[in-house]
C-alpha atoms as a PDB file:
ATOM      1  CA  UNK A   1    -145.444  11.045  74.944  1.00  0.00           C
ATOM      2  CA  UNK A   2    -144.594   7.959  73.355  1.00  0.00           C
ATOM      3  CA  UNK A   3    -141.209   7.041  71.799  1.00  0.00           C
ATOM      4  CA  UNK A   4    -142.887   6.690  68.453  1.00  0.00           C
ATOM      5  CA  UNK A   5    -144.604   9.866  68.559  1.00  0.00           C
ATOM      6  CA  UNK A   6    -143.777  13.307  66.916  1.00  0.00           C
ATOM      7  CA  UNK A   7    -144.412  14.573  63.914  1.00  0.00           C
ATOM      8  CA  UNK A   8    -147.774  16.289  62.481  1.00  0.00           C
ATOM      9  CA  UNK A   9    -150.840  15.183  63.626  1.00  0.00           C
ATOM     10  CA  UNK A  10    -153.564  14.359  61.739  1.00  0.00           C
ATOM     11  CA  UNK A  11    -157.379  13.449  61.454  1.00  0.00           C
ATOM     12  CA  UNK A  12    -159.829  15.411  63.673  1.00  0.00           C
ATOM     13  CA  UNK A  13    -157.306  17.212  65.976  1.00  0.00           C
ATOM     14  CA  UNK A  14    -155.243  18.655  62.510  1.00  0.00           C
ATOM     15  CA  UNK A  15    -158.213  19.828  61.482  1.00  0.00           C
ATOM     16  CA  UNK A  16    -159.176  21.419  64.937  1.00  0.00           C
ATOM     17  CA  UNK A  17    -155.695  22.760  65.024  1.00  0.00           C
ATOM     18  CA  UNK A  18    -155.325  23.995  61.579  1.00  0.00           C
ATOM     19  CA  UNK A  19    -159.285  25.862  62.214  1.00  0.00           C
ATOM     20  CA  UNK A  20    -157.737  27.421  65.514  1.00  0.00           C
ATOM     21  CA  UNK A  21    -153.965  27.976  65.132  1.00  0.00           C
ATOM     22  CA  UNK A  22    -154.059  28.514  60.910  1.00  0.00           C
ATOM     23  CA  UNK A  23    -151.164  25.708  60.964  1.00  0.00           C
ATOM     24  CA  UNK A  24    -149.550  23.091  62.408  1.00  0.00           C
ATOM     25  CA  UNK A  25    -146.385  25.275  62.554  1.00  0.00           C
ATOM     26  CA  UNK A  26    -148.069  28.751  64.178  1.00  0.00           C
ATOM     27  CA  UNK A  27    -149.725  26.164  66.675  1.00  0.00           C
ATOM     28  CA  UNK A  28    -145.747  24.700  67.529  1.00  0.00           C
ATOM     29  CA  UNK A  29    -144.821  28.313  67.833  1.00  0.00           C
ATOM     30  CA  UNK A  30    -147.697  29.543  69.869  1.00  0.00           C
ATOM     31  CA  UNK A  31    -147.342  26.549  72.285  1.00  0.00           C
ATOM     32  CA  UNK A  32    -143.547  26.789  72.009  1.00  0.00           C
ATOM     33  CA  UNK A  33    -143.914  30.109  73.282  1.00  0.00           C
ATOM     34  CA  UNK A  34    -146.342  29.970  75.791  1.00  0.00           C
ATOM     35  CA  UNK A  35    -143.763  26.886  77.432  1.00  0.00           C
ATOM     36  CA  UNK A  36    -140.749  29.358  76.793  1.00  0.00           C
ATOM     37  CA  UNK A  37    -141.866  32.682  78.571  1.00  0.00           C
ATOM     38  CA  UNK A  38    -143.243  30.895  81.597  1.00  0.00           C
ATOM     39  CA  UNK A  39    -141.822  32.501  83.841  1.00  0.00           C
ATOM     40  CA  UNK A  40    -139.927  29.929  86.963  1.00  0.00           C
ATOM     41  CA  UNK A  41    -141.820  27.479  86.996  1.00  0.00           C
ATOM     42  CA  UNK A  42    -144.961  25.779  85.081  1.00  0.00           C
ATOM     43  CA  UNK A  43    -146.464  24.559  82.417  1.00  0.00           C
ATOM     44  CA  UNK A  44    -147.388  25.280  78.726  1.00  0.00           C
ATOM     45  CA  UNK A  45    -151.238  23.393  77.698  1.00  0.00           C
ATOM     46  CA  UNK A  46    -153.230  22.575  74.571  1.00  0.00           C
ATOM     47  CA  UNK A  47    -156.629  23.334  76.259  1.00  0.00           C
ATOM     48  CA  UNK A  48    -160.402  22.315  74.621  1.00  0.00           C
ATOM     49  CA  UNK A  49    -162.594  25.517  75.907  1.00  0.00           C
ATOM     50  CA  UNK A  50    -166.153  25.540  74.766  1.00  0.00           C
ATOM     51  CA  UNK A  51    -165.215  23.277  71.715  1.00  0.00           C
ATOM     52  CA  UNK A  52    -162.076  25.455  70.561  1.00  0.00           C
ATOM     53  CA  UNK A  53    -158.504  24.328  70.989  1.00  0.00           C
ATOM     54  CA  UNK A  54    -156.628  27.128  72.985  1.00  0.00           C
ATOM     55  CA  UNK A  55    -152.872  27.224  73.991  1.00  0.00           C
ATOM     56  CA  UNK A  56    -152.375  28.676  77.632  1.00  0.00           C
ATOM     57  CA  UNK A  57    -149.638  28.544  80.637  1.00  0.00           C
ATOM     58  CA  UNK A  58    -150.087  28.009  84.257  1.00  0.00           C
ATOM     59  CA  UNK A  59    -147.559  29.094  87.027  1.00  0.00           C
ATOM     60  CA  UNK A  60    -146.133  26.384  89.554  1.00  0.00           C
ATOM     61  CA  UNK A  61    -148.891  23.581  90.181  1.00  0.00           C
ATOM     62  CA  UNK A  62    -151.472  25.282  88.458  1.00  0.00           C
ATOM     63  CA  UNK A  63    -153.769  23.785  85.592  1.00  0.00           C
ATOM     64  CA  UNK A  64    -156.768  24.463  83.635  1.00  0.00           C
ATOM     65  CA  UNK A  65    -158.704  22.563  85.411  1.00  0.00           C
ATOM     66  CA  UNK A  66    -158.583  25.269  88.372  1.00  0.00           C
ATOM     67  CA  UNK A  67    -159.994  27.489  86.673  1.00  0.00           C
ATOM     68  CA  UNK A  68    -157.561  30.311  87.503  1.00  0.00           C
ATOM     69  CA  UNK A  69    -156.862  32.239  84.324  1.00  0.00           C
ATOM     70  CA  UNK A  70    -156.292  29.599  81.836  1.00  0.00           C
ATOM     71  CA  UNK A  71    -159.273  27.876  81.899  1.00  0.00           C
ATOM     72  CA  UNK A  72    -160.256  24.209  80.053  1.00  0.00           C
ATOM     73  CA  UNK A  73    -159.336  20.396  79.999  1.00  0.00           C
ATOM     74  CA  UNK A  74    -156.245  20.302  78.985  1.00  0.00           C
ATOM     75  CA  UNK A  75    -155.364  17.445  76.358  1.00  0.00           C
ATOM     76  CA  UNK A  76    -151.600  17.848  76.163  1.00  0.00           C
ATOM     77  CA  UNK A  77    -149.142  19.684  78.571  1.00  0.00           C
ATOM     78  CA  UNK A  78    -145.412  20.343  78.771  1.00  0.00           C
ATOM     79  CA  UNK A  79    -143.879  20.491  81.812  1.00  0.00           C
ATOM     80  CA  UNK A  80    -141.521  23.828  82.310  1.00  0.00           C
ATOM     81  CA  UNK A  81    -140.497  22.989  85.971  1.00  0.00           C
ATOM     82  CA  UNK A  82    -136.853  23.230  85.813  1.00  0.00           C
ATOM     83  CA  UNK A  83    -136.719  19.047  87.003  1.00  0.00           C
ATOM     84  CA  UNK A  84    -138.509  18.517  84.007  1.00  0.00           C
ATOM     85  CA  UNK A  85    -134.952  19.140  81.695  1.00  0.00           C
ATOM     86  CA  UNK A  86    -132.094  20.136  83.934  1.00  0.00           C
ATOM     87  CA  UNK A  87    -130.633  16.916  83.608  1.00  0.00           C
ATOM     88  CA  UNK A  88    -130.655  17.083  80.077  1.00  0.00           C
ATOM     89  CA  UNK A  89    -130.527  20.085  78.703  1.00  0.00           C
ATOM     90  CA  UNK A  90    -129.559  22.193  81.851  1.00  0.00           C
ATOM     91  CA  UNK A  91    -130.977  26.127  81.309  1.00  0.00           C
ATOM     92  CA  UNK A  92    -131.809  25.461  77.525  1.00  0.00           C
ATOM     93  CA  UNK A  93    -135.402  24.994  77.716  1.00  0.00           C
ATOM     94  CA  UNK A  94    -135.793  26.240  74.697  1.00  0.00           C
ATOM     95  CA  UNK A  95    -134.226  22.950  73.193  1.00  0.00           C
ATOM     96  CA  UNK A  96    -136.186  20.807  75.653  1.00  0.00           C
ATOM     97  CA  UNK A  97    -139.349  22.172  74.023  1.00  0.00           C
ATOM     98  CA  UNK A  98    -138.218  21.683  70.347  1.00  0.00           C
ATOM     99  CA  UNK A  99    -137.447  18.558  71.642  1.00  0.00           C
ATOM    100  CA  UNK A 100    -140.392  17.583  73.062  1.00  0.00           C
ATOM    101  CA  UNK A 101    -142.377  17.628  69.715  1.00  0.00           C
ATOM    102  CA  UNK A 102    -140.001  14.492  69.075  1.00  0.00           C
ATOM    103  CA  UNK A 103    -142.141  12.761  71.140  1.00  0.00           C
ATOM    104  CA  UNK A 104    -146.223  13.866  71.450  1.00  0.00           C
ATOM    105  CA  UNK A 105    -148.650  10.724  71.583  1.00  0.00           C
ATOM    106  CA  UNK A 106    -151.056  12.422  68.486  1.00  0.00           C
ATOM    107  CA  UNK A 107    -153.149   9.304  68.656  1.00  0.00           C
ATOM    108  CA  UNK A 108    -153.495  10.177  72.152  1.00  0.00           C
ATOM    109  CA  UNK A 109    -154.181  13.429  72.065  1.00  0.00           C
ATOM    110  CA  UNK A 110    -156.896  12.800  69.575  1.00  0.00           C
ATOM    111  CA  UNK A 111    -158.686  10.920  72.179  1.00  0.00           C
ATOM    112  CA  UNK A 112    -158.419  13.514  74.379  1.00  0.00           C
ATOM    113  CA  UNK A 113    -159.294  15.988  71.820  1.00  0.00           C
ATOM    114  CA  UNK A 114    -162.442  13.992  70.751  1.00  0.00           C
ATOM    115  CA  UNK A 115    -163.341  13.031  75.015  1.00  0.00           C
ATOM    116  CA  UNK A 116    -163.321  17.263  75.808  1.00  0.00           C
ATOM    117  CA  UNK A 117    -164.964  18.704  72.630  1.00  0.00           C
END
């Protein structure tokens, strides 16, 4: 995350997103859906699995490194435990998810992608 983050990614990560999801908007929809539909507490992830990008979610404290259901190397994650957003968003999880896209540090995600692929 970065106060100067957000926008659309560029370079290798943008190409990988387009390849895996068809477009940045399709990725954003998939990631947002994974975050919004995670029942109760948990996370949504953008992972590299077998060299390709995937979106998935995990419950509670679980993560893709644990290899339970959602597998891969996480390169971006959003915490959807209520404590992460309640003070600013109360029960409006979709608003919190939308705001998250304004602070993503795509330079860091690109570095993590390069290391994981």
